[in-house]
Amino acid sequence: MSELTSLTIAQAREKLLGKEITAVELTDAYLAAIDEANKTLNAYIEVTPENAKKWAAISDEKIAKGEAGALEGIPVGIKDLFGTQGVHTQACSHILDGFKPKYESTVTQNMWDDGAVMLGKLNMDEFAMGSSNETSYYGAVTNPWKAKGDDTPLVPGGSSGGSAAAVAAQLCAGATATDTGGSIRQPAAFTGTVGVKPTYGRCSRWGVVAFASSLDQAGPIARDVRDAAILLKSMASVDVKDTTSVDIPVPDYEAAIGQSMKGKKIGIPKEYRVEGMPEDIEALWQQGIQWYKDAGAEIVDISLPHTKYALPAYYIVAPAEASSNLARYDGVKYGLRVTGDDITDMYEKTRSQGFGDEVQRRIMIGTYVLSSGYYDAYYLRAQKVRTLIKRDFENVFNQGIDAILTPATPSSAFKIGDEEMAADPVKMFLNDIFTVTVNMAGLPGISVPAGLDSKGLPLGLQLIGKPFEEEMLFQASHVIEEAAGTFVPKRWW
C-alpha cells in the first residue's frame, strides 16, 4: 500500500491511465495511511472515506471510457478554509461548530470537475491566523520531520500546516492551501514540500473563508514542482462570483518545467540578508545562487528598499481586514451560539468563547487601527507603504529581472509549544519576514525544498515572479529541484 502512496501525482496519473492501478486502489491506500498516521500527526480533522471511494469508482469508470480529466482519480486533501458542500467547513474554529455549507468553493469545484477525489478536510491555524498550526481548535499538527537524534515534536508551519504535513507524510497526493502572508510557502519550507502562492486574482476566492480579502490567495502544496504545476492548472480560473479574479488564460504550467534558464536574470535582494539569519540559511541561499549560475542564468544584485517596512505594514493591513471579515460571526445565522441576557450579551459570549486567543488578538488590533483617530495614523499609512513595496518590485522587474531568489523562512521548523514564541507573538510573526512582501504586492511566489540544515530538517528557497508569470517560477524552481533532489521524512509515526 505504501508503494501507491509514494507515487507523485504525475506518476499516479500515468499508472491510472495505463490501467496499471485503479483509482479505488489508490484511494484505499491513502485512506489506510490516514487511518494509521492521523492520530499521531493530526493533519486531518475530517476524513470522508465513503465519498472518496464513491468518487474513485466514478473515476475508474471515466478512465475506462477514455473520459479522464486532468486529475482523474487523484486523491487530495482540502484545507478546512475551502467550502465543501455538505462537508465540515469550519476554518478550524469553535465559532463555526457544525457548519456544513450548501455550496462548493470555485477552486474545489474546478478540481472535482477535473476528476480529483477528496479524502477529507485538513487542519489549519484558526481562520488561517498563525505560523505554526498551533491555534487550531482541533489541536496542533505535528510535522512528519524530526531533528536528528531528537524526538521533540515540531510544528509544520502555518496556517496551512495540515496540508503541508499530509503531503509530506504521504497522506494525500496533493493538497489545497491558502496564503495571506506566507501560509503556503512557510509550511512547505518546514516540511520539505513545494508550495505555490499564485498571483492575486489567479485563483477564485469564492467559497473560501476570508481572512484578509486583499491578501488571501489559494494555491497548492505538492511533493515536487511538476505536481504543483498540475494542481495549479486545475485550481486556477476566472470566476464571475469573484470580481477580484482575473480573466487571463491559464497556461500549461507543466510545459515550462525543464526549459533552459540560459540568459535569464535572477535578482538577489540585499534587504533579505537580515540580522541574525542562521548560517545554514545563508549557505543555502549561496548554494541556490551557484545552481543558477551553473544553469546559465545571470545573477543580479538588486534592491527592494521598502522591504523593512513590509512586516509591520502587513500586521496592520491583515488584522484590519480580518476584524471586518470576522464581524459576520455573531451566533445569529450559523455556527456556535452562546445564549445571553440580550442580543448584545449573546454576541459578546459567542465571540469570546468561539474565537481563540490569536484570532481575538488580531481582531482587536484590526479594530484599533481602523478606529476613529487611528485610521490615518496606522491603516492609511500602511496602505501607502504597501504601494511603495509594490513599486519596488515593479522597478526591479522593469530592469529585466525574470525572478527573485530569497530564503523562504528565517529558520527550520521549531518545537511545538515553544515558550519564546508563546510569550512573544512578534517572534511568531517574524516567521513571515521573507514572505509577506509577495502578498503585499500581489505577486506569485514559490517555496522549493533546497536542502537540510545541521539538524537534518528541511529548508526552502523562495522564488518571486512577475504578476501572472507563474510559468517562470515553475521553470526556475525546477533548477533547484534538479540540483537538490526531493526530500521525504524518515517514517516514525
Protein backbone atom coordinates (compact mmCIF):
# COMPACT_ATOMS: atom_id res chain seq x y z
CA MET A 1 0.00 0.00 0.00
CA SER A 2 2.86 2.41 0.83
CA GLU A 3 4.17 1.98 -2.72
CA LEU A 4 0.95 3.52 -4.04
CA THR A 5 1.03 6.48 -1.65
CA SER A 6 4.66 7.19 -2.56
CA LEU A 7 3.66 7.92 -6.17
CA THR A 8 3.69 11.56 -7.24
CA ILE A 9 0.59 12.91 -8.97
CA ALA A 10 2.35 12.67 -12.33
CA GLN A 11 3.35 9.04 -11.67
CA ALA A 12 -0.09 8.08 -10.38
CA ARG A 13 -1.75 9.73 -13.37
CA GLU A 14 0.42 7.69 -15.74
CA LYS A 15 -0.36 4.43 -13.95
CA LEU A 16 -4.08 5.19 -13.78
CA LEU A 17 -4.32 6.00 -17.47
CA GLY A 18 -2.21 2.94 -18.28
CA LYS A 19 -4.63 0.75 -16.25
CA GLU A 20 -1.74 -0.43 -14.03
CA ILE A 21 -3.65 0.63 -10.93
CA THR A 22 -7.21 1.73 -10.23
CA ALA A 23 -8.44 4.91 -8.54
CA VAL A 24 -10.17 2.77 -5.93
CA GLU A 25 -6.91 1.01 -5.07
CA LEU A 26 -5.08 4.31 -4.86
CA THR A 27 -7.78 5.88 -2.68
CA ASP A 28 -7.91 2.85 -0.38
CA ALA A 29 -4.13 3.08 0.08
CA TYR A 30 -4.38 6.71 1.17
CA LEU A 31 -7.33 6.04 3.49
CA ALA A 32 -5.32 3.25 5.14
CA ALA A 33 -2.32 5.58 5.53
CA ILE A 34 -4.53 8.26 7.10
CA ASP A 35 -6.07 5.73 9.46
CA GLU A 36 -2.62 4.67 10.60
CA ALA A 37 -0.95 8.06 10.93
CA ASN A 38 -3.53 10.72 11.67
CA LYS A 39 -3.84 10.04 15.40
CA THR A 40 -0.17 10.99 15.67
CA LEU A 41 0.09 13.80 13.12
CA ASN A 42 -3.43 15.33 13.45
CA ALA A 43 -3.29 16.53 9.84
CA TYR A 44 -6.93 15.68 9.05
CA ILE A 45 -9.83 16.93 11.14
CA GLU A 46 -12.47 15.20 8.98
CA VAL A 47 -11.96 12.16 6.75
CA THR A 48 -14.60 11.34 4.11
CA PRO A 49 -13.99 7.67 3.19
CA GLU A 50 -17.45 6.92 1.77
CA ASN A 51 -17.38 9.90 -0.59
CA ALA A 52 -13.76 9.17 -1.53
CA LYS A 53 -14.49 5.56 -2.50
CA LYS A 54 -17.60 6.60 -4.42
CA TRP A 55 -15.73 9.29 -6.35
CA ALA A 56 -12.83 6.92 -7.03
CA ALA A 57 -15.20 4.33 -8.52
CA ILE A 58 -16.66 7.03 -10.80
CA SER A 59 -13.11 7.96 -11.85
CA ASP A 60 -12.37 4.35 -12.78
CA GLU A 61 -15.46 4.32 -14.97
CA LYS A 62 -14.42 7.56 -16.69
CA ILE A 63 -10.87 6.26 -17.25
CA ALA A 64 -12.28 3.06 -18.77
CA LYS A 65 -14.39 5.15 -21.17
CA GLY A 66 -11.45 7.37 -22.13
CA GLU A 67 -13.06 10.39 -20.48
CA ALA A 68 -10.45 11.08 -17.81
CA GLY A 69 -9.98 14.62 -16.52
CA ALA A 70 -6.65 16.24 -15.68
CA LEU A 71 -6.79 15.00 -12.06
CA GLU A 72 -8.88 11.88 -12.64
CA GLY A 73 -8.67 9.54 -9.68
CA ILE A 74 -6.04 11.58 -7.80
CA PRO A 75 -6.74 11.65 -4.03
CA VAL A 76 -6.30 15.10 -2.48
CA GLY A 77 -6.75 16.79 0.88
CA ILE A 78 -8.60 20.09 1.28
CA LYS A 79 -7.70 22.81 3.76
CA ASP A 80 -10.62 23.47 6.10
CA LEU A 81 -10.87 27.04 4.76
CA PHE A 82 -12.42 25.86 1.47
CA GLY A 83 -16.19 25.44 1.37
CA THR A 84 -17.08 21.83 0.54
CA GLN A 85 -20.75 21.11 0.02
CA GLY A 86 -22.26 19.07 2.84
CA VAL A 87 -18.85 18.50 4.47
CA HIS A 88 -17.28 20.03 7.59
CA THR A 89 -16.06 23.58 6.81
CA GLN A 90 -15.16 25.44 9.98
CA ALA A 91 -11.83 27.20 9.39
CA CYS A 92 -10.75 25.12 12.42
CA SER A 93 -12.66 27.49 14.70
CA HIS A 94 -15.08 26.74 17.53
CA ILE A 95 -17.30 29.59 16.36
CA LEU A 96 -18.25 27.67 13.19
CA ASP A 97 -19.23 24.48 15.02
CA GLY A 98 -21.35 22.18 12.87
CA PHE A 99 -21.20 24.33 9.73
CA LYS A 100 -21.59 22.35 6.50
CA PRO A 101 -22.07 24.65 3.50
CA LYS A 102 -24.68 24.12 0.81
CA TYR A 103 -22.20 25.39 -1.77
CA GLU A 104 -18.79 24.41 -3.16
CA SER A 105 -15.83 26.76 -3.46
CA THR A 106 -14.84 27.52 -7.03
CA VAL A 107 -11.32 26.15 -6.55
CA THR A 108 -12.51 22.77 -5.23
CA GLN A 109 -15.27 22.57 -7.84
CA ASN A 110 -12.62 23.06 -10.53
CA MET A 111 -10.71 20.12 -9.07
CA TRP A 112 -13.79 17.88 -8.85
CA ASP A 113 -14.61 18.76 -12.46
CA ASP A 114 -11.12 17.51 -13.34
CA GLY A 115 -11.73 14.22 -11.53
CA ALA A 116 -9.91 14.72 -8.20
CA VAL A 117 -11.01 12.60 -5.22
CA MET A 118 -11.48 14.30 -1.83
CA LEU A 119 -10.03 12.37 1.11
CA GLY A 120 -11.12 14.88 3.75
CA LYS A 121 -10.56 18.27 5.35
CA LEU A 122 -7.14 19.31 6.64
CA ASN A 123 -6.17 21.00 9.89
CA MET A 124 -5.02 24.63 9.89
CA ASP A 125 -4.49 27.62 12.17
CA GLU A 126 -7.85 29.07 13.20
CA PHE A 127 -9.14 31.34 10.41
CA ALA A 128 -5.65 30.98 8.85
CA MET A 129 -4.14 33.13 11.62
CA GLY A 130 -0.84 31.63 12.70
CA SER A 131 2.57 30.46 11.56
CA SER A 132 2.75 27.10 13.35
CA ASN A 133 -0.66 25.39 13.15
CA GLU A 134 -0.99 25.60 16.93
CA THR A 135 -4.03 27.92 17.01
CA SER A 136 -6.46 25.33 15.59
CA TYR A 137 -9.48 24.50 17.74
CA TYR A 138 -8.69 20.86 16.90
CA GLY A 139 -5.17 20.95 18.27
CA ALA A 140 -1.70 21.31 16.82
CA VAL A 141 -0.47 19.43 13.76
CA THR A 142 2.80 17.54 14.17
CA ASN A 143 5.47 17.86 11.50
CA PRO A 144 6.44 14.46 9.96
CA TRP A 145 10.07 15.59 10.19
CA LYS A 146 12.16 15.31 13.35
CA ALA A 147 15.61 16.66 14.11
CA LYS A 148 18.50 14.20 14.15
CA GLY A 149 18.68 12.36 17.45
CA ASP A 150 15.77 14.32 18.91
CA ASP A 151 12.19 13.11 19.37
CA THR A 152 10.79 16.56 20.18
CA PRO A 153 7.60 17.14 18.14
CA LEU A 154 7.97 20.02 15.69
CA VAL A 155 5.45 22.39 14.11
CA PRO A 156 4.71 22.01 10.38
CA GLY A 157 4.35 25.77 9.91
CA GLY A 158 1.12 27.60 9.32
CA SER A 159 -1.52 28.36 8.58
CA SER A 160 -1.60 25.51 6.03
CA GLY A 161 0.19 23.11 8.36
CA GLY A 162 -2.27 20.26 7.89
CA SER A 163 -1.89 20.50 4.11
CA ALA A 164 1.91 20.50 4.28
CA ALA A 165 2.12 17.70 6.85
CA ALA A 166 -0.34 15.50 4.93
CA VAL A 167 1.60 15.91 1.68
CA ALA A 168 4.98 15.30 3.34
CA ALA A 169 3.71 12.21 5.20
CA GLN A 170 2.08 10.85 2.01
CA LEU A 171 -1.44 11.08 3.42
CA CYS A 172 -2.65 12.67 0.17
CA ALA A 173 -1.19 13.12 -3.30
CA GLY A 174 -1.50 16.90 -3.05
CA ALA A 175 -3.46 19.50 -1.11
CA THR A 176 -5.14 22.85 -1.40
CA ALA A 177 -3.86 25.65 0.81
CA THR A 178 -4.14 29.43 1.17
CA ASP A 179 -1.52 32.13 1.57
CA THR A 180 -2.19 35.52 3.19
CA GLY A 181 1.33 36.35 4.32
CA GLY A 182 3.26 33.13 3.72
CA SER A 183 0.83 30.42 4.81
CA ILE A 184 1.61 28.18 1.83
CA ARG A 185 5.33 28.85 1.41
CA GLN A 186 6.40 28.75 5.06
CA PRO A 187 4.82 25.35 5.90
CA ALA A 188 6.11 23.99 2.59
CA ALA A 189 9.62 25.03 3.61
CA PHE A 190 9.21 23.44 7.06
CA THR A 191 8.07 20.09 5.63
CA GLY A 192 10.21 19.63 2.52
CA THR A 193 7.31 20.16 0.12
CA VAL A 194 6.64 22.58 -2.76
CA GLY A 195 4.20 25.43 -2.08
CA VAL A 196 2.89 27.91 -4.64
CA LYS A 197 1.28 31.25 -3.83
CA PRO A 198 -0.15 32.39 -7.20
CA THR A 199 -0.64 35.99 -8.32
CA TYR A 200 -3.54 37.67 -6.55
CA GLY A 201 -6.57 37.01 -8.76
CA ARG A 202 -5.22 33.85 -10.42
CA CYS A 203 -7.48 31.59 -8.30
CA SER A 204 -11.01 32.49 -7.26
CA ARG A 205 -11.56 33.31 -3.59
CA TRP A 206 -15.28 32.50 -3.82
CA GLY A 207 -16.32 29.94 -1.23
CA VAL A 208 -13.05 30.30 0.71
CA VAL A 209 -13.45 31.61 4.27
CA ALA A 210 -11.98 35.13 4.27
CA PHE A 211 -9.13 36.28 6.48
CA ALA A 212 -7.76 39.40 4.72
CA SER A 213 -9.52 39.81 1.40
CA SER A 214 -6.88 41.88 -0.39
CA LEU A 215 -4.12 39.43 0.56
CA ASP A 216 -5.67 35.93 0.56
CA GLN A 217 -4.87 33.62 -2.35
CA ALA A 218 -5.43 29.91 -2.85
CA GLY A 219 -2.66 27.65 -4.12
CA PRO A 220 -1.32 24.08 -3.98
CA ILE A 221 1.12 22.21 -1.78
CA ALA A 222 2.70 19.22 -3.52
CA ARG A 223 5.65 16.83 -3.35
CA ASP A 224 7.51 18.23 -6.31
CA VAL A 225 7.42 21.09 -8.80
CA ARG A 226 5.60 19.12 -11.53
CA ASP A 227 2.82 18.10 -9.16
CA ALA A 228 2.41 21.72 -8.04
CA ALA A 229 2.10 22.77 -11.70
CA ILE A 230 -0.55 20.09 -12.34
CA LEU A 231 -2.59 21.19 -9.31
CA LEU A 232 -2.41 24.92 -10.03
CA LYS A 233 -3.54 24.37 -13.61
CA SER A 234 -6.69 22.76 -12.24
CA MET A 235 -7.29 25.22 -9.39
CA ALA A 236 -6.87 28.47 -11.36
CA SER A 237 -9.70 30.14 -13.26
CA VAL A 238 -11.62 33.37 -13.71
CA ASP A 239 -14.88 33.42 -11.78
CA VAL A 240 -17.90 35.70 -12.21
CA LYS A 241 -18.61 35.20 -8.49
CA ASP A 242 -15.26 36.76 -7.55
CA THR A 243 -14.65 40.16 -9.12
CA THR A 244 -11.00 40.09 -7.97
CA SER A 245 -10.30 37.03 -10.13
CA VAL A 246 -8.61 37.94 -13.40
CA ASP A 247 -9.72 36.86 -16.87
CA ILE A 248 -6.34 35.73 -18.19
CA PRO A 249 -5.86 32.31 -19.84
CA VAL A 250 -4.38 29.67 -17.53
CA PRO A 251 -1.19 28.33 -19.18
CA ASP A 252 0.04 24.76 -19.27
CA TYR A 253 2.41 25.15 -16.34
CA GLU A 254 3.88 21.68 -16.81
CA ALA A 255 5.23 22.70 -20.22
CA ALA A 256 7.50 25.28 -18.57
CA ILE A 257 9.33 22.67 -16.47
CA GLY A 258 12.73 21.77 -17.84
CA GLN A 259 13.11 24.79 -20.12
CA SER A 260 16.56 26.38 -20.20
CA MET A 261 17.44 29.20 -17.82
CA LYS A 262 20.27 30.45 -20.04
CA GLY A 263 20.17 34.22 -20.30
CA LYS A 264 17.51 34.61 -17.60
CA LYS A 265 18.20 37.14 -14.87
CA ILE A 266 17.82 36.12 -11.22
CA GLY A 267 17.69 39.01 -8.75
CA ILE A 268 19.26 38.78 -5.28
CA PRO A 269 17.82 41.43 -2.94
CA LYS A 270 20.30 42.75 -0.39
CA GLU A 271 17.49 43.61 2.05
CA TYR A 272 16.74 39.92 2.65
CA ARG A 273 20.05 39.47 4.48
CA VAL A 274 18.53 40.05 7.88
CA GLU A 275 20.43 40.36 11.13
CA GLY A 276 20.89 37.07 12.96
CA MET A 277 20.00 34.87 9.99
CA PRO A 278 21.28 31.32 10.64
CA GLU A 279 24.42 30.25 8.78
CA ASP A 280 22.56 27.27 7.31
CA ILE A 281 20.12 29.57 5.51
CA GLU A 282 22.80 31.95 4.23
CA ALA A 283 24.79 28.95 2.94
CA LEU A 284 21.72 27.51 1.24
CA TRP A 285 21.00 30.86 -0.42
CA GLN A 286 24.54 30.98 -1.76
CA GLN A 287 24.18 27.40 -2.98
CA GLY A 288 20.99 28.40 -4.83
CA ILE A 289 22.82 31.28 -6.48
CA GLN A 290 25.53 28.88 -7.66
CA TRP A 291 22.94 26.47 -9.07
CA TYR A 292 21.54 29.26 -11.22
CA LYS A 293 24.99 30.28 -12.39
CA ASP A 294 25.63 26.65 -13.35
CA ALA A 295 22.30 26.64 -15.24
CA GLY A 296 23.41 29.63 -17.31
CA ALA A 297 21.36 32.30 -15.57
CA GLU A 298 22.73 35.76 -14.85
CA ILE A 299 22.82 36.74 -11.16
CA VAL A 300 21.99 40.40 -10.50
CA ASP A 301 22.20 42.19 -7.15
CA ILE A 302 19.02 44.21 -6.63
CA SER A 303 17.49 46.46 -4.01
CA LEU A 304 13.96 46.41 -2.60
CA PRO A 305 14.36 49.36 -0.22
CA HIS A 306 10.96 49.26 1.46
CA THR A 307 11.21 45.58 2.46
CA LYS A 308 11.96 46.51 6.08
CA TYR A 309 8.52 48.09 6.38
CA ALA A 310 6.64 45.11 4.94
CA LEU A 311 6.12 43.10 8.13
CA PRO A 312 4.79 45.95 10.30
CA ALA A 313 2.60 47.19 7.45
CA TYR A 314 1.27 43.68 6.88
CA TYR A 315 0.36 43.29 10.55
CA ILE A 316 -1.75 46.44 10.27
CA VAL A 317 -3.48 45.68 6.96
CA ALA A 318 -4.20 41.99 7.62
CA PRO A 319 -5.76 42.41 11.11
CA ALA A 320 -7.77 45.40 9.89
CA GLU A 321 -9.34 43.34 7.11
CA ALA A 322 -9.76 40.38 9.49
CA SER A 323 -11.67 42.46 12.03
CA SER A 324 -14.08 43.47 9.27
CA ASN A 325 -14.44 39.98 7.75
CA LEU A 326 -14.92 38.23 11.08
CA ALA A 327 -17.65 40.62 12.23
CA ARG A 328 -20.12 38.28 10.47
CA TYR A 329 -19.62 35.56 13.08
CA ASP A 330 -22.06 36.59 15.78
CA GLY A 331 -24.02 33.47 16.75
CA VAL A 332 -27.16 34.55 14.89
CA LYS A 333 -27.10 32.82 11.49
CA TYR A 334 -24.84 29.76 11.81
CA GLY A 335 -22.23 28.06 13.94
CA LEU A 336 -21.81 28.45 17.69
CA ARG A 337 -24.43 30.35 19.68
CA VAL A 338 -23.93 31.09 23.38
CA THR A 339 -27.16 32.49 24.78
CA GLY A 340 -27.16 35.60 26.95
CA ASP A 341 -29.48 38.06 28.65
CA ASP A 342 -30.00 40.01 25.43
CA ILE A 343 -28.62 40.08 21.88
CA THR A 344 -25.56 42.15 22.83
CA ASP A 345 -24.73 39.70 25.62
CA MET A 346 -25.15 36.82 23.14
CA TYR A 347 -22.72 38.50 20.70
CA GLU A 348 -20.13 39.00 23.43
CA LYS A 349 -20.36 35.48 24.86
CA THR A 350 -20.43 33.80 21.44
CA ARG A 351 -17.41 35.68 20.13
CA SER A 352 -15.38 35.46 23.35
CA GLN A 353 -15.94 31.70 23.62
CA GLY A 354 -15.94 30.96 19.89
CA PHE A 355 -12.71 32.70 18.86
CA GLY A 356 -9.30 31.57 20.10
CA ASP A 357 -6.67 33.86 21.59
CA GLU A 358 -4.77 34.58 18.36
CA VAL A 359 -7.94 35.43 16.45
CA GLN A 360 -9.13 37.69 19.25
CA ARG A 361 -5.71 39.39 19.30
CA ARG A 362 -5.87 40.17 15.58
CA ILE A 363 -9.50 41.33 15.70
CA MET A 364 -8.59 43.76 18.49
CA ILE A 365 -5.52 45.04 16.63
CA GLY A 366 -7.58 45.45 13.47
CA THR A 367 -10.43 47.23 15.22
CA TYR A 368 -7.94 49.57 16.87
CA VAL A 369 -6.14 50.59 13.66
CA LEU A 370 -9.48 51.21 11.91
CA SER A 371 -10.94 53.25 14.78
CA SER A 372 -11.57 56.97 14.62
CA GLY A 373 -8.36 58.88 15.21
CA TYR A 374 -6.08 55.97 14.31
CA TYR A 375 -7.19 55.12 10.77
CA ASP A 376 -4.94 57.79 9.21
CA ALA A 377 -2.05 57.13 11.57
CA TYR A 378 -1.93 53.38 11.02
CA TYR A 379 -4.12 51.82 8.33
CA LEU A 380 -3.81 54.57 5.71
CA ARG A 381 -0.06 54.81 6.26
CA ALA A 382 0.31 51.03 5.95
CA GLN A 383 -1.53 51.12 2.62
CA LYS A 384 0.88 53.80 1.39
CA VAL A 385 3.80 51.59 2.40
CA ARG A 386 2.16 48.75 0.50
CA THR A 387 2.15 50.91 -2.64
CA LEU A 388 5.86 51.61 -2.20
CA ILE A 389 6.62 47.88 -1.76
CA LYS A 390 4.75 47.12 -4.97
CA ARG A 391 6.65 49.89 -6.76
CA ASP A 392 9.98 48.43 -5.60
CA PHE A 393 9.16 45.15 -7.33
CA GLU A 394 7.92 46.93 -10.47
CA ASN A 395 11.19 48.87 -10.71
CA VAL A 396 13.23 45.67 -10.40
CA PHE A 397 11.19 43.74 -12.96
CA ASN A 398 11.34 46.71 -15.34
CA GLN A 399 15.14 46.28 -15.27
CA GLY A 400 14.77 42.88 -16.91
CA ILE A 401 14.82 40.65 -13.82
CA ASP A 402 12.93 37.40 -14.52
CA ALA A 403 12.66 36.10 -10.95
CA ILE A 404 13.93 36.96 -7.47
CA LEU A 405 15.64 34.38 -5.25
CA THR A 406 15.40 34.62 -1.44
CA PRO A 407 15.25 32.33 1.59
CA ALA A 408 11.74 31.07 2.34
CA THR A 409 11.95 31.18 6.15
CA PRO A 410 14.33 32.56 8.80
CA SER A 411 14.75 29.12 10.39
CA SER A 412 13.78 25.47 10.09
CA ALA A 413 10.80 24.04 11.98
CA PHE A 414 10.70 24.80 15.71
CA LYS A 415 9.21 22.74 18.52
CA ILE A 416 5.52 22.61 19.33
CA GLY A 417 4.79 24.75 22.38
CA ASP A 418 7.95 26.82 22.01
CA GLU A 419 7.94 29.04 25.12
CA GLU A 420 9.66 32.00 23.47
CA MET A 421 7.14 32.03 20.63
CA ALA A 422 4.22 31.68 23.03
CA ALA A 423 5.47 34.51 25.26
CA ASP A 424 6.13 36.95 22.41
CA PRO A 425 3.70 36.95 19.47
CA VAL A 426 6.08 39.17 17.50
CA LYS A 427 8.62 36.32 17.37
CA MET A 428 5.94 34.19 15.73
CA PHE A 429 5.09 37.00 13.30
CA LEU A 430 8.78 37.13 12.24
CA ASN A 431 8.40 33.71 10.61
CA ASP A 432 6.76 35.59 7.72
CA ILE A 433 9.60 38.08 7.26
CA PHE A 434 10.61 36.74 3.81
CA THR A 435 7.10 36.03 2.53
CA VAL A 436 4.77 38.95 3.36
CA THR A 437 6.17 41.26 0.65
CA VAL A 438 4.79 38.91 -2.01
CA ASN A 439 1.25 39.22 -0.66
CA MET A 440 1.51 42.97 -0.12
CA ALA A 441 2.47 43.34 -3.80
CA GLY A 442 0.06 40.68 -5.11
CA LEU A 443 2.90 38.73 -6.76
CA PRO A 444 3.38 34.98 -7.30
CA GLY A 445 5.87 33.10 -5.15
CA ILE A 446 7.03 29.52 -4.73
CA SER A 447 8.93 27.70 -1.98
CA VAL A 448 11.06 24.77 -3.10
CA PRO A 449 12.94 22.38 -0.79
CA ALA A 450 16.62 23.03 -1.30
CA GLY A 451 18.46 21.18 1.45
CA LEU A 452 18.67 20.16 5.09
CA ASP A 453 20.06 22.18 7.96
CA SER A 454 22.59 20.96 10.54
CA LYS A 455 19.73 19.32 12.48
CA GLY A 456 18.60 17.35 9.43
CA LEU A 457 15.47 19.47 8.93
CA PRO A 458 14.32 20.77 5.53
CA LEU A 459 14.92 24.32 4.36
CA GLY A 460 13.34 26.02 1.37
CA LEU A 461 14.33 28.70 -1.12
CA GLN A 462 11.74 31.15 -2.40
CA LEU A 463 11.34 32.49 -5.91
CA ILE A 464 9.25 35.61 -6.56
CA GLY A 465 7.92 36.32 -10.04
CA LYS A 466 6.17 38.94 -12.14
CA PRO A 467 2.37 39.14 -11.99
CA PHE A 468 0.74 36.16 -13.74
CA GLU A 469 4.09 34.72 -14.79
CA GLU A 470 3.89 31.58 -12.67
CA GLU A 471 5.36 29.71 -15.65
CA MET A 472 8.73 31.34 -14.98
CA LEU A 473 8.55 30.22 -11.34
CA PHE A 474 7.97 26.61 -12.36
CA GLN A 475 10.75 26.85 -14.91
CA ALA A 476 13.18 28.39 -12.43
CA SER A 477 12.26 26.26 -9.41
CA HIS A 478 12.91 23.09 -11.39
CA VAL A 479 16.60 24.09 -11.40
CA ILE A 480 16.66 23.93 -7.59
CA GLU A 481 14.77 20.65 -7.54
CA GLU A 482 17.09 19.05 -10.09
CA ALA A 483 20.15 20.11 -8.10
CA ALA A 484 18.85 19.44 -4.58
CA GLY A 485 16.56 16.49 -5.18
CA THR A 486 13.34 15.79 -3.30
CA PHE A 487 13.03 15.24 0.44
CA VAL A 488 10.98 12.63 2.31
CA PRO A 489 10.87 12.40 6.11
CA LYS A 490 12.03 9.19 7.73
CA ARG A 491 8.89 7.37 8.85
CA TRP A 492 8.40 7.31 12.65
CA TRP A 493 4.65 7.73 13.04
